């Protein structure tokens, strides 16, 4: 896998997570079946933290929950560290 492919996969995943936060906010307003907090946090954990953070603040969703307000930014830091370590240990090609 090239670095380009990895970047595309991570970008698409973050868009999916962003949309999940928006859907959950809509379901909350309509009193529909919700996406569990566990699912939202797991999506952020597996390289979706940037999408989760944008989703939280774009949709004003889960911003009052301490585990999201602190956890998602910590997951973003963790995701960045993982990417940096991957780049150092596995030389990915851009083409």
PDB file of N, CA and C in Angstrom:
ATOM      1  N   UNK A   1       0.853  -1.179   0.000  1.00  0.00           N
ATOM      2  CA  UNK A   1       0.000   0.000   0.000  1.00  0.00           C
ATOM      3  C   UNK A   1       0.895   1.237   0.000  1.00  0.00           C
ATOM      4  N   UNK A   2       0.529   2.168  -0.819  1.00  0.00           N
ATOM      5  CA  UNK A   2       1.304   3.401  -0.867  1.00  0.00           C
ATOM      6  C   UNK A   2       0.774   4.378   0.180  1.00  0.00           C
ATOM      7  N   UNK A   3       1.567   5.376   0.472  1.00  0.00           N
ATOM      8  CA  UNK A   3       1.149   6.417   1.419  1.00  0.00           C
ATOM      9  C   UNK A   3      -0.073   7.152   0.890  1.00  0.00           C
ATOM     10  N   UNK A   4      -0.142   7.305  -0.418  1.00  0.00           N
ATOM     11  CA  UNK A   4      -1.296   7.966  -1.034  1.00  0.00           C
ATOM     12  C   UNK A   4      -2.578   7.183  -0.756  1.00  0.00           C
ATOM     13  N   UNK A   5      -2.518   5.857  -0.950  1.00  0.00           N
ATOM     14  CA  UNK A   5      -3.685   5.015  -0.694  1.00  0.00           C
ATOM     15  C   UNK A   5      -4.082   5.067   0.782  1.00  0.00           C
ATOM     16  N   UNK A   6      -3.099   5.023   1.651  1.00  0.00           N
ATOM     17  CA  UNK A   6      -3.364   5.106   3.090  1.00  0.00           C
ATOM     18  C   UNK A   6      -4.047   6.430   3.428  1.00  0.00           C
ATOM     19  N   UNK A   7      -3.546   7.516   2.857  1.00  0.00           N
ATOM     20  CA  UNK A   7      -4.128   8.839   3.117  1.00  0.00           C
ATOM     21  C   UNK A   7      -5.572   8.913   2.617  1.00  0.00           C
ATOM     22  N   UNK A   8      -5.852   8.331   1.471  1.00  0.00           N
ATOM     23  CA  UNK A   8      -7.211   8.325   0.922  1.00  0.00           C
ATOM     24  C   UNK A   8      -8.142   7.521   1.832  1.00  0.00           C
ATOM     25  N   UNK A   9      -7.687   6.358   2.270  1.00  0.00           N
ATOM     26  CA  UNK A   9      -8.497   5.509   3.151  1.00  0.00           C
ATOM     27  C   UNK A   9      -8.810   6.241   4.454  1.00  0.00           C
ATOM     28  N   UNK A  10      -7.805   6.875   5.042  1.00  0.00           N
ATOM     29  CA  UNK A  10      -8.012   7.607   6.297  1.00  0.00           C
ATOM     30  C   UNK A  10      -8.959   8.791   6.072  1.00  0.00           C
ATOM     31  N   UNK A  11      -8.818   9.483   4.961  1.00  0.00           N
ATOM     32  CA  UNK A  11      -9.699  10.624   4.668  1.00  0.00           C
ATOM     33  C   UNK A  11     -11.148  10.172   4.511  1.00  0.00           C
ATOM     34  N   UNK A  12     -11.361   9.104   3.773  1.00  0.00           N
ATOM     35  CA  UNK A  12     -12.721   8.583   3.585  1.00  0.00           C
ATOM     36  C   UNK A  12     -13.304   8.134   4.923  1.00  0.00           C
ATOM     37  N   UNK A  13     -12.493   7.451   5.727  1.00  0.00           N
ATOM     38  CA  UNK A  13     -12.959   7.008   7.044  1.00  0.00           C
ATOM     39  C   UNK A  13     -13.362   8.204   7.910  1.00  0.00           C
ATOM     40  N   UNK A  14     -12.591   9.270   7.880  1.00  0.00           N
ATOM     41  CA  UNK A  14     -12.923  10.457   8.672  1.00  0.00           C
ATOM     42  C   UNK A  14     -14.205  11.123   8.185  1.00  0.00           C
ATOM     43  N   UNK A  15     -14.449  11.087   6.896  1.00  0.00           N
ATOM     44  CA  UNK A  15     -15.712  11.615   6.366  1.00  0.00           C
ATOM     45  C   UNK A  15     -16.879  10.769   6.874  1.00  0.00           C
ATOM     46  N   UNK A  16     -16.699   9.458   6.884  1.00  0.00           N
ATOM     47  CA  UNK A  16     -17.746   8.563   7.394  1.00  0.00           C
ATOM     48  C   UNK A  16     -18.035   8.858   8.862  1.00  0.00           C
ATOM     49  N   UNK A  17     -16.997   9.033   9.658  1.00  0.00           N
ATOM     50  CA  UNK A  17     -17.179   9.320  11.088  1.00  0.00           C
ATOM     51  C   UNK A  17     -17.871  10.668  11.264  1.00  0.00           C
ATOM     52  N   UNK A  18     -17.463  11.668  10.496  1.00  0.00           N
ATOM     53  CA  UNK A  18     -18.102  12.983  10.536  1.00  0.00           C
ATOM     54  C   UNK A  18     -19.604  12.859  10.270  1.00  0.00           C
ATOM     55  N   UNK A  19     -19.957  12.104   9.237  1.00  0.00           N
ATOM     56  CA  UNK A  19     -21.365  11.896   8.882  1.00  0.00           C
ATOM     57  C   UNK A  19     -22.095  11.159  10.002  1.00  0.00           C
ATOM     58  N   UNK A  20     -21.426  10.189  10.639  1.00  0.00           N
ATOM     59  CA  UNK A  20     -22.048   9.465  11.745  1.00  0.00           C
ATOM     60  C   UNK A  20     -22.438  10.408  12.887  1.00  0.00           C
ATOM     61  N   UNK A  21     -21.585  11.365  13.192  1.00  0.00           N
ATOM     62  CA  UNK A  21     -21.905  12.333  14.253  1.00  0.00           C
ATOM     63  C   UNK A  21     -23.106  13.185  13.843  1.00  0.00           C
ATOM     64  N   UNK A  22     -23.170  13.558  12.583  1.00  0.00           N
ATOM     65  CA  UNK A  22     -24.312  14.327  12.098  1.00  0.00           C
ATOM     66  C   UNK A  22     -25.599  13.526  12.140  1.00  0.00           C
ATOM     67  N   UNK A  23     -25.521  12.254  11.742  1.00  0.00           N
ATOM     68  CA  UNK A  23     -26.702  11.395  11.785  1.00  0.00           C
ATOM     69  C   UNK A  23     -27.186  11.183  13.211  1.00  0.00           C
ATOM     70  N   UNK A  24     -26.243  10.974  14.116  1.00  0.00           N
ATOM     71  CA  UNK A  24     -26.639  10.764  15.506  1.00  0.00           C
ATOM     72  C   UNK A  24     -27.283  12.013  16.088  1.00  0.00           C
ATOM     73  N   UNK A  25     -26.783  13.170  15.727  1.00  0.00           N
ATOM     74  CA  UNK A  25     -27.395  14.423  16.185  1.00  0.00           C
ATOM     75  C   UNK A  25     -28.823  14.541  15.650  1.00  0.00           C
ATOM     76  N   UNK A  26     -29.005  14.226  14.373  1.00  0.00           N
ATOM     77  CA  UNK A  26     -30.346  14.286  13.789  1.00  0.00           C
ATOM     78  C   UNK A  26     -31.288  13.305  14.488  1.00  0.00           C
ATOM     79  N   UNK A  27     -30.788  12.083  14.734  1.00  0.00           N
ATOM     80  CA  UNK A  27     -31.606  11.079  15.415  1.00  0.00           C
ATOM     81  C   UNK A  27     -31.944  11.518  16.838  1.00  0.00           C
ATOM     82  N   UNK A  28     -31.026  12.209  17.479  1.00  0.00           N
ATOM     83  CA  UNK A  28     -31.286  12.699  18.837  1.00  0.00           C
ATOM     84  C   UNK A  28     -32.418  13.723  18.821  1.00  0.00           C
ATOM     85  N   UNK A  29     -32.410  14.596  17.843  1.00  0.00           N
ATOM     86  CA  UNK A  29     -33.463  15.618  17.751  1.00  0.00           C
ATOM     87  C   UNK A  29     -34.823  14.999  17.421  1.00  0.00           C
ATOM     88  N   UNK A  30     -34.809  13.936  16.616  1.00  0.00           N
ATOM     89  CA  UNK A  30     -36.049  13.301  16.181  1.00  0.00           C
ATOM     90  C   UNK A  30     -36.471  12.154  17.106  1.00  0.00           C
ATOM     91  N   UNK A  31     -35.717  11.945  18.178  1.00  0.00           N
ATOM     92  CA  UNK A  31     -35.972  10.863  19.132  1.00  0.00           C
ATOM     93  C   UNK A  31     -35.961   9.499  18.447  1.00  0.00           C
ATOM     94  N   UNK A  32     -35.069   9.341  17.490  1.00  0.00           N
ATOM     95  CA  UNK A  32     -34.939   8.078  16.762  1.00  0.00           C
ATOM     96  C   UNK A  32     -33.924   7.170  17.424  1.00  0.00           C
ATOM     97  N   UNK A  33     -33.680   6.037  16.777  1.00  0.00           N
ATOM     98  CA  UNK A  33     -32.688   5.098  17.278  1.00  0.00           C
ATOM     99  C   UNK A  33     -31.299   5.686  17.085  1.00  0.00           C
ATOM    100  N   UNK A  34     -30.556   5.760  18.170  1.00  0.00           N
ATOM    101  CA  UNK A  34     -29.269   6.458  18.182  1.00  0.00           C
ATOM    102  C   UNK A  34     -28.100   5.543  17.856  1.00  0.00           C
ATOM    103  N   UNK A  35     -26.996   6.157  17.482  1.00  0.00           N
ATOM    104  CA  UNK A  35     -25.718   5.463  17.344  1.00  0.00           C
ATOM    105  C   UNK A  35     -25.090   5.478  18.732  1.00  0.00           C
ATOM    106  N   UNK A  36     -24.624   4.345  19.192  1.00  0.00           N
ATOM    107  CA  UNK A  36     -24.110   4.268  20.562  1.00  0.00           C
ATOM    108  C   UNK A  36     -22.836   5.098  20.722  1.00  0.00           C
ATOM    109  N   UNK A  37     -22.635   5.569  21.950  1.00  0.00           N
ATOM    110  CA  UNK A  37     -21.410   6.319  22.242  1.00  0.00           C
ATOM    111  C   UNK A  37     -20.189   5.448  22.007  1.00  0.00           C
ATOM    112  N   UNK A  38     -20.307   4.159  22.310  1.00  0.00           N
ATOM    113  CA  UNK A  38     -19.206   3.229  22.089  1.00  0.00           C
ATOM    114  C   UNK A  38     -18.815   3.202  20.612  1.00  0.00           C
ATOM    115  N   UNK A  39     -19.805   3.142  19.737  1.00  0.00           N
ATOM    116  CA  UNK A  39     -19.539   3.114  18.297  1.00  0.00           C
ATOM    117  C   UNK A  39     -18.894   4.416  17.842  1.00  0.00           C
ATOM    118  N   UNK A  40     -19.395   5.539  18.330  1.00  0.00           N
ATOM    119  CA  UNK A  40     -18.822   6.835  17.954  1.00  0.00           C
ATOM    120  C   UNK A  40     -17.366   6.939  18.406  1.00  0.00           C
ATOM    121  N   UNK A  41     -17.083   6.496  19.629  1.00  0.00           N
ATOM    122  CA  UNK A  41     -15.709   6.570  20.135  1.00  0.00           C
ATOM    123  C   UNK A  41     -14.790   5.558  19.453  1.00  0.00           C
ATOM    124  N   UNK A  42     -15.316   4.367  19.144  1.00  0.00           N
ATOM    125  CA  UNK A  42     -14.489   3.387  18.433  1.00  0.00           C
ATOM    126  C   UNK A  42     -14.116   3.883  17.041  1.00  0.00           C
ATOM    127  N   UNK A  43     -15.061   4.522  16.380  1.00  0.00           N
ATOM    128  CA  UNK A  43     -14.764   5.094  15.068  1.00  0.00           C
ATOM    129  C   UNK A  43     -13.658   6.133  15.146  1.00  0.00           C
ATOM    130  N   UNK A  44     -13.691   6.924  16.212  1.00  0.00           N
ATOM    131  CA  UNK A  44     -12.641   7.928  16.416  1.00  0.00           C
ATOM    132  C   UNK A  44     -11.310   7.268  16.746  1.00  0.00           C
ATOM    133  N   UNK A  45     -11.359   6.180  17.496  1.00  0.00           N
ATOM    134  CA  UNK A  45     -10.138   5.498  17.919  1.00  0.00           C
ATOM    135  C   UNK A  45      -9.356   4.966  16.731  1.00  0.00           C
ATOM    136  N   UNK A  46     -10.055   4.390  15.763  1.00  0.00           N
ATOM    137  CA  UNK A  46      -9.398   3.765  14.625  1.00  0.00           C
ATOM    138  C   UNK A  46      -9.211   4.757  13.485  1.00  0.00           C
ATOM    139  N   UNK A  47      -8.413   5.784  13.737  1.00  0.00           N
ATOM    140  CA  UNK A  47      -7.991   6.777  12.763  1.00  0.00           C
ATOM    141  C   UNK A  47      -9.109   7.705  12.293  1.00  0.00           C
ATOM    142  N   UNK A  48     -10.199   7.811  13.064  1.00  0.00           N
ATOM    143  CA  UNK A  48     -11.297   8.692  12.685  1.00  0.00           C
ATOM    144  C   UNK A  48     -11.472   9.873  13.624  1.00  0.00           C
ATOM    145  N   UNK A  49     -10.448  10.175  14.386  1.00  0.00           N
ATOM    146  CA  UNK A  49     -10.574  11.212  15.418  1.00  0.00           C
ATOM    147  C   UNK A  49     -10.744  12.615  14.837  1.00  0.00           C
ATOM    148  N   UNK A  50     -10.143  12.884  13.701  1.00  0.00           N
ATOM    149  CA  UNK A  50     -10.294  14.210  13.105  1.00  0.00           C
ATOM    150  C   UNK A  50     -11.735  14.419  12.633  1.00  0.00           C
ATOM    151  N   UNK A  51     -12.310  13.424  12.003  1.00  0.00           N
ATOM    152  CA  UNK A  51     -13.709  13.491  11.588  1.00  0.00           C
ATOM    153  C   UNK A  51     -14.634  13.617  12.783  1.00  0.00           C
ATOM    154  N   UNK A  52     -14.313  12.900  13.866  1.00  0.00           N
ATOM    155  CA  UNK A  52     -15.122  12.972  15.086  1.00  0.00           C
ATOM    156  C   UNK A  52     -15.055  14.372  15.690  1.00  0.00           C
ATOM    157  N   UNK A  53     -13.861  14.935  15.747  1.00  0.00           N
ATOM    158  CA  UNK A  53     -13.698  16.272  16.322  1.00  0.00           C
ATOM    159  C   UNK A  53     -14.445  17.312  15.496  1.00  0.00           C
ATOM    160  N   UNK A  54     -14.298  17.250  14.184  1.00  0.00           N
ATOM    161  CA  UNK A  54     -15.041  18.182  13.320  1.00  0.00           C
ATOM    162  C   UNK A  54     -16.543  17.963  13.466  1.00  0.00           C
ATOM    163  N   UNK A  55     -16.973  16.712  13.536  1.00  0.00           N
ATOM    164  CA  UNK A  55     -18.384  16.401  13.683  1.00  0.00           C
ATOM    165  C   UNK A  55     -18.955  16.915  14.995  1.00  0.00           C
ATOM    166  N   UNK A  56     -18.183  16.776  16.056  1.00  0.00           N
ATOM    167  CA  UNK A  56     -18.633  17.258  17.362  1.00  0.00           C
ATOM    168  C   UNK A  56     -18.948  18.747  17.313  1.00  0.00           C
ATOM    169  N   UNK A  57     -18.053  19.502  16.730  1.00  0.00           N
ATOM    170  CA  UNK A  57     -18.214  20.955  16.757  1.00  0.00           C
ATOM    171  C   UNK A  57     -19.071  21.488  15.607  1.00  0.00           C
ATOM    172  N   UNK A  58     -19.086  20.813  14.469  1.00  0.00           N
ATOM    173  CA  UNK A  58     -19.946  21.247  13.366  1.00  0.00           C
ATOM    174  C   UNK A  58     -21.418  21.032  13.704  1.00  0.00           C
ATOM    175  N   UNK A  59     -21.708  19.914  14.392  1.00  0.00           N
ATOM    176  CA  UNK A  59     -23.088  19.586  14.720  1.00  0.00           C
ATOM    177  C   UNK A  59     -23.442  19.901  16.173  1.00  0.00           C
ATOM    178  N   UNK A  60     -22.489  20.460  16.917  1.00  0.00           N
ATOM    179  CA  UNK A  60     -22.685  20.744  18.351  1.00  0.00           C
ATOM    180  C   UNK A  60     -23.210  19.497  19.047  1.00  0.00           C
ATOM    181  N   UNK A  61     -22.493  18.400  18.842  1.00  0.00           N
ATOM    182  CA  UNK A  61     -22.953  17.099  19.329  1.00  0.00           C
ATOM    183  C   UNK A  61     -21.894  16.469  20.226  1.00  0.00           C
ATOM    184  N   UNK A  62     -22.295  16.080  21.408  1.00  0.00           N
ATOM    185  CA  UNK A  62     -21.441  15.422  22.406  1.00  0.00           C
ATOM    186  C   UNK A  62     -20.391  16.365  22.984  1.00  0.00           C
ATOM    187  N   UNK A  63     -20.542  17.650  22.787  1.00  0.00           N
ATOM    188  CA  UNK A  63     -19.533  18.602  23.279  1.00  0.00           C
ATOM    189  C   UNK A  63     -19.640  18.835  24.781  1.00  0.00           C
ATOM    190  N   UNK A  64     -20.749  18.440  25.393  1.00  0.00           N
ATOM    191  CA  UNK A  64     -20.895  18.592  26.846  1.00  0.00           C
ATOM    192  C   UNK A  64     -20.470  17.338  27.598  1.00  0.00           C
ATOM    193  N   UNK A  65     -20.237  16.253  26.879  1.00  0.00           N
ATOM    194  CA  UNK A  65     -19.817  15.003  27.499  1.00  0.00           C
ATOM    195  C   UNK A  65     -18.303  15.013  27.677  1.00  0.00           C
ATOM    196  N   UNK A  66     -17.856  14.882  28.913  1.00  0.00           N
ATOM    197  CA  UNK A  66     -16.428  14.967  29.217  1.00  0.00           C
ATOM    198  C   UNK A  66     -15.617  13.918  28.464  1.00  0.00           C
ATOM    199  N   UNK A  67     -16.167  12.695  28.356  1.00  0.00           N
ATOM    200  CA  UNK A  67     -15.385  11.649  27.687  1.00  0.00           C
ATOM    201  C   UNK A  67     -15.182  11.952  26.204  1.00  0.00           C
ATOM    202  N   UNK A  68     -16.065  12.733  25.608  1.00  0.00           N
ATOM    203  CA  UNK A  68     -15.888  13.144  24.215  1.00  0.00           C
ATOM    204  C   UNK A  68     -15.028  14.407  24.142  1.00  0.00           C
ATOM    205  N   UNK A  69     -15.304  15.364  25.008  1.00  0.00           N
ATOM    206  CA  UNK A  69     -14.589  16.644  24.975  1.00  0.00           C
ATOM    207  C   UNK A  69     -13.099  16.459  25.231  1.00  0.00           C
ATOM    208  N   UNK A  70     -12.749  15.504  26.091  1.00  0.00           N
ATOM    209  CA  UNK A  70     -11.336  15.231  26.373  1.00  0.00           C
ATOM    210  C   UNK A  70     -10.837  14.054  25.544  1.00  0.00           C
ATOM    211  N   UNK A  71     -11.678  13.028  25.426  1.00  0.00           N
ATOM    212  CA  UNK A  71     -11.260  11.796  24.767  1.00  0.00           C
ATOM    213  C   UNK A  71     -10.946  11.941  23.291  1.00  0.00           C
ATOM    214  N   UNK A  72     -11.785  12.644  22.562  1.00  0.00           N
ATOM    215  CA  UNK A  72     -11.570  12.756  21.110  1.00  0.00           C
ATOM    216  C   UNK A  72     -10.275  13.518  20.788  1.00  0.00           C
ATOM    217  N   UNK A  73      -9.991  14.654  21.448  1.00  0.00           N
ATOM    218  CA  UNK A  73      -8.698  15.289  21.179  1.00  0.00           C
ATOM    219  C   UNK A  73      -7.502  14.399  21.562  1.00  0.00           C
ATOM    220  N   UNK A  74      -7.636  13.631  22.642  1.00  0.00           N
ATOM    221  CA  UNK A  74      -6.565  12.696  23.004  1.00  0.00           C
ATOM    222  C   UNK A  74      -6.408  11.603  21.953  1.00  0.00           C
ATOM    223  N   UNK A  75      -7.534  11.138  21.416  1.00  0.00           N
ATOM    224  CA  UNK A  75      -7.473  10.152  20.340  1.00  0.00           C
ATOM    225  C   UNK A  75      -6.825  10.728  19.093  1.00  0.00           C
ATOM    226  N   UNK A  76      -7.066  12.000  18.823  1.00  0.00           N
ATOM    227  CA  UNK A  76      -6.425  12.655  17.676  1.00  0.00           C
ATOM    228  C   UNK A  76      -4.911  12.665  17.869  1.00  0.00           C
ATOM    229  N   UNK A  77      -4.458  13.008  19.055  1.00  0.00           N
ATOM    230  CA  UNK A  77      -3.013  12.988  19.347  1.00  0.00           C
ATOM    231  C   UNK A  77      -2.461  11.580  19.166  1.00  0.00           C
ATOM    232  N   UNK A  78      -3.194  10.588  19.686  1.00  0.00           N
ATOM    233  CA  UNK A  78      -2.772   9.200  19.544  1.00  0.00           C
ATOM    234  C   UNK A  78      -2.706   8.799  18.072  1.00  0.00           C
ATOM    235  N   UNK A  79      -3.708   9.180  17.295  1.00  0.00           N
ATOM    236  CA  UNK A  79      -3.719   8.859  15.863  1.00  0.00           C
ATOM    237  C   UNK A  79      -2.539   9.486  15.148  1.00  0.00           C
ATOM    238  N   UNK A  80      -2.204  10.722  15.491  1.00  0.00           N
ATOM    239  CA  UNK A  80      -1.061  11.404  14.870  1.00  0.00           C
ATOM    240  C   UNK A  80       0.232  10.677  15.222  1.00  0.00           C
ATOM    241  N   UNK A  81       0.376  10.268  16.472  1.00  0.00           N
ATOM    242  CA  UNK A  81       1.576   9.537  16.900  1.00  0.00           C
ATOM    243  C   UNK A  81       1.693   8.222  16.138  1.00  0.00           C
ATOM    244  N   UNK A  82       0.583   7.521  15.971  1.00  0.00           N
ATOM    245  CA  UNK A  82       0.602   6.254  15.229  1.00  0.00           C
ATOM    246  C   UNK A  82       1.045   6.478  13.786  1.00  0.00           C
ATOM    247  N   UNK A  83       0.518   7.502  13.145  1.00  0.00           N
ATOM    248  CA  UNK A  83       0.898   7.781  11.753  1.00  0.00           C
ATOM    249  C   UNK A  83       2.383   8.125  11.663  1.00  0.00           C
ATOM    250  N   UNK A  84       2.875   8.935  12.580  1.00  0.00           N
ATOM    251  CA  UNK A  84       4.301   9.292  12.574  1.00  0.00           C
ATOM    252  C   UNK A  84       5.162   8.049  12.768  1.00  0.00           C
ATOM    253  N   UNK A  85       4.782   7.194  13.711  1.00  0.00           N
ATOM    254  CA  UNK A  85       5.547   5.961  13.938  1.00  0.00           C
ATOM    255  C   UNK A  85       5.494   5.045  12.726  1.00  0.00           C
ATOM    256  N   UNK A  86       4.337   4.945  12.092  1.00  0.00           N
ATOM    257  CA  UNK A  86       4.230   4.133  10.878  1.00  0.00           C
ATOM    258  C   UNK A  86       5.137   4.665   9.779  1.00  0.00           C
ATOM    259  N   UNK A  87       5.173   5.972   9.641  1.00  0.00           N
ATOM    260  CA  UNK A  87       5.999   6.579   8.594  1.00  0.00           C
ATOM    261  C   UNK A  87       7.484   6.344   8.850  1.00  0.00           C
ATOM    262  N   UNK A  88       7.857   6.261  10.131  1.00  0.00           N
ATOM    263  CA  UNK A  88       9.264   6.016  10.457  1.00  0.00           C
ATOM    264  C   UNK A  88       9.651   4.553  10.299  1.00  0.00           C
ATOM    265  N   UNK A  89       8.737   3.655  10.625  1.00  0.00           N
ATOM    266  CA  UNK A  89       9.085   2.239  10.607  1.00  0.00           C
ATOM    267  C   UNK A  89       8.771   1.556   9.282  1.00  0.00           C
ATOM    268  N   UNK A  90       7.725   2.010   8.597  1.00  0.00           N
ATOM    269  CA  UNK A  90       7.363   1.421   7.316  1.00  0.00           C
ATOM    270  C   UNK A  90       7.465   2.491   6.251  1.00  0.00           C
ATOM    271  N   UNK A  91       8.539   2.454   5.487  1.00  0.00           N
ATOM    272  CA  UNK A  91       8.682   3.493   4.452  1.00  0.00           C
ATOM    273  C   UNK A  91       7.610   3.332   3.376  1.00  0.00           C
ATOM    274  N   UNK A  92       6.636   4.213   3.403  1.00  0.00           N
ATOM    275  CA  UNK A  92       5.552   4.183   2.423  1.00  0.00           C
ATOM    276  C   UNK A  92       5.938   5.014   1.199  1.00  0.00           C
ATOM    277  N   UNK A  93       5.608   4.512   0.049  1.00  0.00           N
ATOM    278  CA  UNK A  93       5.889   5.245  -1.180  1.00  0.00           C
ATOM    279  C   UNK A  93       4.675   6.080  -1.548  1.00  0.00           C
ATOM    280  N   UNK A  94       4.906   7.219  -2.160  1.00  0.00           N
ATOM    281  CA  UNK A  94       3.801   8.105  -2.573  1.00  0.00           C
ATOM    282  C   UNK A  94       3.330   7.825  -3.982  1.00  0.00           C
ATOM    283  N   UNK A  95       3.940   6.872  -4.664  1.00  0.00           N
ATOM    284  CA  UNK A  95       3.481   6.554  -6.032  1.00  0.00           C
ATOM    285  C   UNK A  95       3.486   5.071  -6.274  1.00  0.00           C
TER     286      UNK A  95
END
